[in-house]
Amino acid sequence: MSRTALIVAHGQPSDPEPAEADLTAVAQAVARELSGWTIVSATLAEPDALKNALKGADNPVVFPFFMADGWFIRSLLPRRLSEAGAGHLRILSPFGVLPETADLAIRIVRDACAAEDWLETDTTLILAAHGSGRSRAPAEAARATEAAIAGALPLAGLRTGFIEEAPDLAGAARDAGPRSLCLPLFVARWGHVISDIPAALDDASFAGRLLDPIGTHPDVPALIAGSLRSA
């Protein structure tokens, strides 16, 4: 039996087309993991993308490629689906709150320490997260990832800094030392990852290594595919 899934991300309101292309590539990679599935995608930042994706989709399950179960998932996405005549669709838990995503973060940090030939006990980790001025959900999701990492790795230090709330990323990254890593808890290399995170690290004179955002890891398509299979 053929199954269909719709992967939805926020995208880039200021420049939506590159984000649409990135998400299409993610959907194609997920499709390679799921024989017999049709995988479509859309960003909310591209006005017609959701409507166009739903045209060829047969009652898809919706996977939110977001880091938190906040306003976008609970309010905006259901409203946009309803406006497109698909308010009945099932919305799964977003990427950032899945236990498998926390496990991936642990593995990324462990692999980065090994690649640098650093002991975990000598390494400080900075988690760069979005945060929000109107919802606690983004910070709670980041703190849950922080707690999972703290329980798994004996790091010298573990701090979380935010783009849109306190504690800010520059403050969290300051004086982290040369044996430090910064892992962006973002799904893609878009706006904040391109500009705000490097600017904050420069402001902090961060001397460590900036990792790729967690959502760009090669294992992510298989992780999403696993979530869809479970659904």
C-alpha atoms as a PDB file:
ATOM      1  CA  MET A   1       0.000   0.000   0.000  1.00  0.00           C
ATOM      2  CA  SER A   2       1.362   3.401  -0.983  1.00  0.00           C
ATOM      3  CA  ARG A   3       1.817   5.932   1.793  1.00  0.00           C
ATOM      4  CA  THR A   4       2.404   9.662   1.632  1.00  0.00           C
ATOM      5  CA  ALA A   5       4.180  12.094   3.946  1.00  0.00           C
ATOM      6  CA  LEU A   6       4.535  15.855   3.899  1.00  0.00           C
ATOM      7  CA  ILE A   7       7.667  17.347   5.461  1.00  0.00           C
ATOM      8  CA  VAL A   8       7.136  20.948   6.524  1.00  0.00           C
ATOM      9  CA  ALA A   9       9.740  23.468   7.697  1.00  0.00           C
ATOM     10  CA  HIS A  10       9.691  27.180   8.432  1.00  0.00           C
ATOM     11  CA  GLY A  11      12.098  28.174   5.675  1.00  0.00           C
ATOM     12  CA  GLN A  12      13.496  31.655   5.052  1.00  0.00           C
ATOM     13  CA  PRO A  13      10.899  34.435   4.724  1.00  0.00           C
ATOM     14  CA  SER A  14      13.511  36.850   3.341  1.00  0.00           C
ATOM     15  CA  ASP A  15      14.755  34.386   0.696  1.00  0.00           C
ATOM     16  CA  PRO A  16      12.387  31.409   0.440  1.00  0.00           C
ATOM     17  CA  GLU A  17      13.610  29.655  -2.703  1.00  0.00           C
ATOM     18  CA  PRO A  18      16.966  28.278  -1.422  1.00  0.00           C
ATOM     19  CA  ALA A  19      15.221  26.876   1.646  1.00  0.00           C
ATOM     20  CA  GLU A  20      12.589  25.261  -0.561  1.00  0.00           C
ATOM     21  CA  ALA A  21      15.374  23.601  -2.560  1.00  0.00           C
ATOM     22  CA  ASP A  22      17.119  22.412   0.619  1.00  0.00           C
ATOM     23  CA  LEU A  23      13.907  20.897   1.968  1.00  0.00           C
ATOM     24  CA  THR A  24      13.192  19.200  -1.361  1.00  0.00           C
ATOM     25  CA  ALA A  25      16.602  17.552  -1.086  1.00  0.00           C
ATOM     26  CA  VAL A  26      15.754  16.353   2.422  1.00  0.00           C
ATOM     27  CA  ALA A  27      12.439  14.928   1.176  1.00  0.00           C
ATOM     28  CA  GLN A  28      14.214  13.116  -1.657  1.00  0.00           C
ATOM     29  CA  ALA A  29      16.708  11.613   0.790  1.00  0.00           C
ATOM     30  CA  VAL A  30      13.868  10.476   3.070  1.00  0.00           C
ATOM     31  CA  ALA A  31      12.107   8.916   0.071  1.00  0.00           C
ATOM     32  CA  ARG A  32      15.205   6.830  -0.639  1.00  0.00           C
ATOM     33  CA  GLU A  33      14.835   5.380   2.859  1.00  0.00           C
ATOM     34  CA  LEU A  34      11.141   4.512   2.424  1.00  0.00           C
ATOM     35  CA  SER A  35      10.242   2.147  -0.382  1.00  0.00           C
ATOM     36  CA  GLY A  36       6.649   2.592  -1.472  1.00  0.00           C
ATOM     37  CA  TRP A  37       6.239   6.039   0.072  1.00  0.00           C
ATOM     38  CA  THR A  38       5.632   9.352  -1.655  1.00  0.00           C
ATOM     39  CA  ILE A  39       7.405  12.192   0.169  1.00  0.00           C
ATOM     40  CA  VAL A  40       6.561  15.822  -0.571  1.00  0.00           C
ATOM     41  CA  SER A  41       7.745  18.976   1.161  1.00  0.00           C
ATOM     42  CA  ALA A  42       6.939  22.638   1.725  1.00  0.00           C
ATOM     43  CA  THR A  43       8.213  25.573   3.736  1.00  0.00           C
ATOM     44  CA  LEU A  44       5.753  27.927   5.389  1.00  0.00           C
ATOM     45  CA  ALA A  45       7.801  30.891   4.202  1.00  0.00           C
ATOM     46  CA  GLU A  46       6.976  30.219   0.544  1.00  0.00           C
ATOM     47  CA  PRO A  47       3.338  31.363   0.176  1.00  0.00           C
ATOM     48  CA  ASP A  48       2.186  28.733  -2.337  1.00  0.00           C
ATOM     49  CA  ALA A  49       4.432  25.834  -1.349  1.00  0.00           C
ATOM     50  CA  LEU A  50       2.064  24.109   1.062  1.00  0.00           C
ATOM     51  CA  LYS A  51      -0.901  24.328  -1.286  1.00  0.00           C
ATOM     52  CA  ASN A  52       1.163  23.039  -4.208  1.00  0.00           C
ATOM     53  CA  ALA A  53       2.608  20.136  -2.199  1.00  0.00           C
ATOM     54  CA  LEU A  54      -0.845  19.034  -1.095  1.00  0.00           C
ATOM     55  CA  LYS A  55      -2.143  18.907  -4.675  1.00  0.00           C
ATOM     56  CA  GLY A  56      -0.352  15.665  -5.389  1.00  0.00           C
ATOM     57  CA  ALA A  57      -0.476  14.234  -1.889  1.00  0.00           C
ATOM     58  CA  ASP A  58      -2.949  11.505  -0.907  1.00  0.00           C
ATOM     59  CA  ASN A  59      -3.910  12.165   2.723  1.00  0.00           C
ATOM     60  CA  PRO A  60      -0.306  12.591   3.896  1.00  0.00           C
ATOM     61  CA  VAL A  61       0.951  12.352   7.441  1.00  0.00           C
ATOM     62  CA  VAL A  62       2.717  15.631   8.318  1.00  0.00           C
ATOM     63  CA  PHE A  63       6.250  15.649   9.711  1.00  0.00           C
ATOM     64  CA  PRO A  64       7.281  19.068  11.130  1.00  0.00           C
ATOM     65  CA  PHE A  65      10.975  19.648  10.502  1.00  0.00           C
ATOM     66  CA  PHE A  66      11.143  22.055  13.426  1.00  0.00           C
ATOM     67  CA  MET A  67      13.195  22.065  16.617  1.00  0.00           C
ATOM     68  CA  ALA A  68      10.297  22.663  19.041  1.00  0.00           C
ATOM     69  CA  ASP A  69       6.627  21.901  19.540  1.00  0.00           C
ATOM     70  CA  GLY A  70       5.682  25.551  19.835  1.00  0.00           C
ATOM     71  CA  TRP A  71       3.562  28.201  18.159  1.00  0.00           C
ATOM     72  CA  PHE A  72       4.441  27.175  14.611  1.00  0.00           C
ATOM     73  CA  ILE A  73       3.328  23.577  15.210  1.00  0.00           C
ATOM     74  CA  ARG A  74       0.368  24.224  17.485  1.00  0.00           C
ATOM     75  CA  SER A  75      -1.073  27.318  15.799  1.00  0.00           C
ATOM     76  CA  LEU A  76       0.367  28.348  12.443  1.00  0.00           C
ATOM     77  CA  LEU A  77       0.762  24.936  10.800  1.00  0.00           C
ATOM     78  CA  PRO A  78      -2.783  23.718  11.640  1.00  0.00           C
ATOM     79  CA  ARG A  79      -4.181  27.026  10.399  1.00  0.00           C
ATOM     80  CA  ARG A  80      -2.238  26.864   7.144  1.00  0.00           C
ATOM     81  CA  LEU A  81      -3.321  23.265   6.598  1.00  0.00           C
ATOM     82  CA  SER A  82      -6.943  24.226   7.205  1.00  0.00           C
ATOM     83  CA  GLU A  83      -6.667  27.102   4.757  1.00  0.00           C
ATOM     84  CA  ALA A  84      -5.391  24.601   2.185  1.00  0.00           C
ATOM     85  CA  GLY A  85      -8.350  22.293   2.841  1.00  0.00           C
ATOM     86  CA  ALA A  86      -6.277  19.757   4.772  1.00  0.00           C
ATOM     87  CA  GLY A  87      -7.099  20.540   8.387  1.00  0.00           C
ATOM     88  CA  HIS A  88      -7.812  16.854   9.063  1.00  0.00           C
ATOM     89  CA  LEU A  89      -4.208  15.700   8.522  1.00  0.00           C
ATOM     90  CA  ARG A  90      -2.263  14.097  11.343  1.00  0.00           C
ATOM     91  CA  ILE A  91       0.724  16.147  12.551  1.00  0.00           C
ATOM     92  CA  LEU A  92       3.561  14.151  14.106  1.00  0.00           C
ATOM     93  CA  SER A  93       5.945  15.261  16.825  1.00  0.00           C
ATOM     94  CA  PRO A  94       8.556  17.660  15.424  1.00  0.00           C
ATOM     95  CA  PHE A  95      12.149  16.686  14.733  1.00  0.00           C
ATOM     96  CA  GLY A  96      13.676  18.562  17.647  1.00  0.00           C
ATOM     97  CA  VAL A  97      11.739  16.794  20.405  1.00  0.00           C
ATOM     98  CA  LEU A  98      12.281  13.217  19.220  1.00  0.00           C
ATOM     99  CA  PRO A  99      14.443  11.042  21.500  1.00  0.00           C
ATOM    100  CA  GLU A 100      16.372   9.981  18.403  1.00  0.00           C
ATOM    101  CA  THR A 101      17.341  13.616  17.788  1.00  0.00           C
ATOM    102  CA  ALA A 102      18.818  13.918  21.269  1.00  0.00           C
ATOM    103  CA  ASP A 103      20.704  10.671  20.629  1.00  0.00           C
ATOM    104  CA  LEU A 104      22.006  12.171  17.388  1.00  0.00           C
ATOM    105  CA  ALA A 105      23.232  15.268  19.244  1.00  0.00           C
ATOM    106  CA  ILE A 106      25.134  13.040  21.663  1.00  0.00           C
ATOM    107  CA  ARG A 107      26.721  11.157  18.793  1.00  0.00           C
ATOM    108  CA  ILE A 108      27.672  14.373  16.988  1.00  0.00           C
ATOM    109  CA  VAL A 109      29.457  15.717  20.048  1.00  0.00           C
ATOM    110  CA  ARG A 110      31.185  12.421  20.753  1.00  0.00           C
ATOM    111  CA  ASP A 111      32.372  12.173  17.129  1.00  0.00           C
ATOM    112  CA  ALA A 112      33.580  15.781  17.120  1.00  0.00           C
ATOM    113  CA  CYS A 113      35.648  15.197  20.249  1.00  0.00           C
ATOM    114  CA  ALA A 114      37.174  12.101  18.668  1.00  0.00           C
ATOM    115  CA  ALA A 115      37.916  13.965  15.431  1.00  0.00           C
ATOM    116  CA  GLU A 116      39.755  16.688  17.361  1.00  0.00           C
ATOM    117  CA  ASP A 117      41.458  14.088  19.592  1.00  0.00           C
ATOM    118  CA  TRP A 118      39.981  15.822  22.644  1.00  0.00           C
ATOM    119  CA  LEU A 119      38.927  14.076  25.808  1.00  0.00           C
ATOM    120  CA  GLU A 120      35.250  14.673  26.504  1.00  0.00           C
ATOM    121  CA  THR A 121      36.216  15.600  30.059  1.00  0.00           C
ATOM    122  CA  ASP A 122      38.361  18.445  28.647  1.00  0.00           C
ATOM    123  CA  THR A 123      35.707  19.735  26.222  1.00  0.00           C
ATOM    124  CA  THR A 124      33.096  22.438  26.699  1.00  0.00           C
ATOM    125  CA  LEU A 125      29.940  22.290  24.599  1.00  0.00           C
ATOM    126  CA  ILE A 126      27.836  25.304  23.673  1.00  0.00           C
ATOM    127  CA  LEU A 127      24.351  24.602  22.349  1.00  0.00           C
ATOM    128  CA  ALA A 128      23.111  27.408  20.100  1.00  0.00           C
ATOM    129  CA  ALA A 129      19.305  27.510  20.124  1.00  0.00           C
ATOM    130  CA  HIS A 130      16.593  29.799  18.842  1.00  0.00           C
ATOM    131  CA  GLY A 131      14.536  30.604  21.918  1.00  0.00           C
ATOM    132  CA  SER A 132      11.469  32.812  21.807  1.00  0.00           C
ATOM    133  CA  GLY A 133      10.019  35.885  23.433  1.00  0.00           C
ATOM    134  CA  ARG A 134       6.455  34.539  23.322  1.00  0.00           C
ATOM    135  CA  SER A 135       6.667  30.781  23.961  1.00  0.00           C
ATOM    136  CA  ARG A 136       8.578  28.589  26.382  1.00  0.00           C
ATOM    137  CA  ALA A 137       8.499  25.618  23.991  1.00  0.00           C
ATOM    138  CA  PRO A 138      11.727  26.399  22.061  1.00  0.00           C
ATOM    139  CA  ALA A 139      13.767  26.837  25.242  1.00  0.00           C
ATOM    140  CA  GLU A 140      12.234  23.731  26.808  1.00  0.00           C
ATOM    141  CA  ALA A 141      13.159  21.654  23.765  1.00  0.00           C
ATOM    142  CA  ALA A 142      16.740  22.937  23.871  1.00  0.00           C
ATOM    143  CA  ARG A 143      16.989  22.270  27.609  1.00  0.00           C
ATOM    144  CA  ALA A 144      15.739  18.714  27.075  1.00  0.00           C
ATOM    145  CA  THR A 145      18.532  18.130  24.563  1.00  0.00           C
ATOM    146  CA  GLU A 146      20.997  19.694  26.992  1.00  0.00           C
ATOM    147  CA  ALA A 147      19.828  17.325  29.744  1.00  0.00           C
ATOM    148  CA  ALA A 148      20.164  14.288  27.480  1.00  0.00           C
ATOM    149  CA  ILE A 149      23.721  15.263  26.568  1.00  0.00           C
ATOM    150  CA  ALA A 150      24.613  15.962  30.191  1.00  0.00           C
ATOM    151  CA  GLY A 151      23.405  12.506  31.156  1.00  0.00           C
ATOM    152  CA  ALA A 152      25.443  10.797  28.451  1.00  0.00           C
ATOM    153  CA  LEU A 153      28.743  12.673  28.166  1.00  0.00           C
ATOM    154  CA  PRO A 154      31.202  13.691  30.926  1.00  0.00           C
ATOM    155  CA  LEU A 155      31.910  17.126  29.446  1.00  0.00           C
ATOM    156  CA  ALA A 156      33.980  19.782  31.154  1.00  0.00           C
ATOM    157  CA  GLY A 157      31.172  22.266  30.583  1.00  0.00           C
ATOM    158  CA  LEU A 158      27.774  22.422  28.922  1.00  0.00           C
ATOM    159  CA  ARG A 159      25.971  25.705  28.227  1.00  0.00           C
ATOM    160  CA  THR A 160      22.974  26.731  26.145  1.00  0.00           C
ATOM    161  CA  GLY A 161      22.660  30.172  24.588  1.00  0.00           C
ATOM    162  CA  PHE A 162      19.749  31.590  22.617  1.00  0.00           C
ATOM    163  CA  ILE A 163      19.237  33.942  19.701  1.00  0.00           C
ATOM    164  CA  GLU A 164      15.938  35.433  20.871  1.00  0.00           C
ATOM    165  CA  GLU A 165      16.029  35.212  24.676  1.00  0.00           C
ATOM    166  CA  ALA A 166      18.390  35.120  27.636  1.00  0.00           C
ATOM    167  CA  PRO A 167      20.907  33.751  28.234  1.00  0.00           C
ATOM    168  CA  ASP A 168      22.178  34.984  24.892  1.00  0.00           C
ATOM    169  CA  LEU A 169      24.565  32.926  22.805  1.00  0.00           C
ATOM    170  CA  ALA A 170      27.474  35.375  23.061  1.00  0.00           C
ATOM    171  CA  GLY A 171      27.316  35.222  26.841  1.00  0.00           C
ATOM    172  CA  ALA A 172      27.119  31.431  26.848  1.00  0.00           C
ATOM    173  CA  ALA A 173      30.102  31.105  24.520  1.00  0.00           C
ATOM    174  CA  ARG A 174      32.338  33.646  26.248  1.00  0.00           C
ATOM    175  CA  ASP A 175      35.473  32.199  27.897  1.00  0.00           C
ATOM    176  CA  ALA A 176      34.668  28.681  26.683  1.00  0.00           C
ATOM    177  CA  GLY A 177      38.316  28.084  25.825  1.00  0.00           C
ATOM    178  CA  PRO A 178      39.937  26.576  22.740  1.00  0.00           C
ATOM    179  CA  ARG A 179      38.704  23.039  23.460  1.00  0.00           C
ATOM    180  CA  SER A 180      35.095  23.896  22.890  1.00  0.00           C
ATOM    181  CA  LEU A 181      32.368  22.995  20.432  1.00  0.00           C
ATOM    182  CA  CYS A 182      29.253  24.878  19.383  1.00  0.00           C
ATOM    183  CA  LEU A 183      26.362  22.772  18.106  1.00  0.00           C
ATOM    184  CA  PRO A 184      23.513  24.754  16.479  1.00  0.00           C
ATOM    185  CA  LEU A 185      20.134  23.235  17.349  1.00  0.00           C
ATOM    186  CA  PHE A 186      18.653  24.260  14.004  1.00  0.00           C
ATOM    187  CA  VAL A 187      17.293  22.172  11.148  1.00  0.00           C
ATOM    188  CA  ALA A 188      19.195  23.822   8.303  1.00  0.00           C
ATOM    189  CA  ARG A 189      21.863  26.289   7.297  1.00  0.00           C
ATOM    190  CA  TRP A 190      19.438  29.193   6.982  1.00  0.00           C
ATOM    191  CA  GLY A 191      19.160  32.745   8.373  1.00  0.00           C
ATOM    192  CA  HIS A 192      20.188  32.465  12.033  1.00  0.00           C
ATOM    193  CA  VAL A 193      22.836  29.834  11.329  1.00  0.00           C
ATOM    194  CA  ILE A 194      24.366  31.890   8.543  1.00  0.00           C
ATOM    195  CA  SER A 195      24.415  35.253  10.294  1.00  0.00           C
ATOM    196  CA  ASP A 196      23.376  35.421  13.960  1.00  0.00           C
ATOM    197  CA  ILE A 197      25.301  32.454  15.311  1.00  0.00           C
ATOM    198  CA  PRO A 198      28.680  33.393  13.753  1.00  0.00           C
ATOM    199  CA  ALA A 199      28.158  37.016  14.849  1.00  0.00           C
ATOM    200  CA  ALA A 200      27.457  35.972  18.437  1.00  0.00           C
ATOM    201  CA  LEU A 201      30.492  33.688  18.501  1.00  0.00           C
ATOM    202  CA  ASP A 202      32.674  36.464  17.099  1.00  0.00           C
ATOM    203  CA  ASP A 203      31.357  38.792  19.797  1.00  0.00           C
ATOM    204  CA  ALA A 204      32.318  36.194  22.396  1.00  0.00           C
ATOM    205  CA  SER A 205      35.794  35.671  20.855  1.00  0.00           C
ATOM    206  CA  PHE A 206      34.878  31.997  20.623  1.00  0.00           C
ATOM    207  CA  ALA A 207      38.046  30.000  19.955  1.00  0.00           C
ATOM    208  CA  GLY A 208      36.489  26.578  19.526  1.00  0.00           C
ATOM    209  CA  ARG A 209      34.894  24.726  16.617  1.00  0.00           C
ATOM    210  CA  LEU A 210      31.500  25.599  15.177  1.00  0.00           C
ATOM    211  CA  LEU A 211      29.708  22.419  14.091  1.00  0.00           C
ATOM    212  CA  ASP A 212      27.122  22.060  11.348  1.00  0.00           C
ATOM    213  CA  PRO A 213      23.492  22.477  12.443  1.00  0.00           C
ATOM    214  CA  ILE A 214      22.040  19.230  13.745  1.00  0.00           C
ATOM    215  CA  GLY A 215      19.378  19.035  11.023  1.00  0.00           C
ATOM    216  CA  THR A 216      22.015  18.800   8.275  1.00  0.00           C
ATOM    217  CA  HIS A 217      23.641  15.631   9.629  1.00  0.00           C
ATOM    218  CA  PRO A 218      23.705  12.763   7.092  1.00  0.00           C
ATOM    219  CA  ASP A 219      21.707  10.518   9.445  1.00  0.00           C
ATOM    220  CA  VAL A 220      18.712  12.876   9.571  1.00  0.00           C
ATOM    221  CA  PRO A 221      16.812  11.438   6.552  1.00  0.00           C
ATOM    222  CA  ALA A 222      16.927   7.962   8.106  1.00  0.00           C
ATOM    223  CA  LEU A 223      15.782   9.450  11.427  1.00  0.00           C
ATOM    224  CA  ILE A 224      12.801  11.124   9.750  1.00  0.00           C
ATOM    225  CA  ALA A 225      12.030   7.930   7.868  1.00  0.00           C
ATOM    226  CA  GLY A 226      11.971   6.030  11.146  1.00  0.00           C
ATOM    227  CA  SER A 227       9.493   8.486  12.616  1.00  0.00           C
ATOM    228  CA  LEU A 228       7.242   8.108   9.572  1.00  0.00           C
ATOM    229  CA  ARG A 229       7.401   4.305   9.724  1.00  0.00           C
ATOM    230  CA  SER A 230       6.386   4.404  13.388  1.00  0.00           C
ATOM    231  CA  ALA A 231       3.418   6.584  12.521  1.00  0.00           C
END
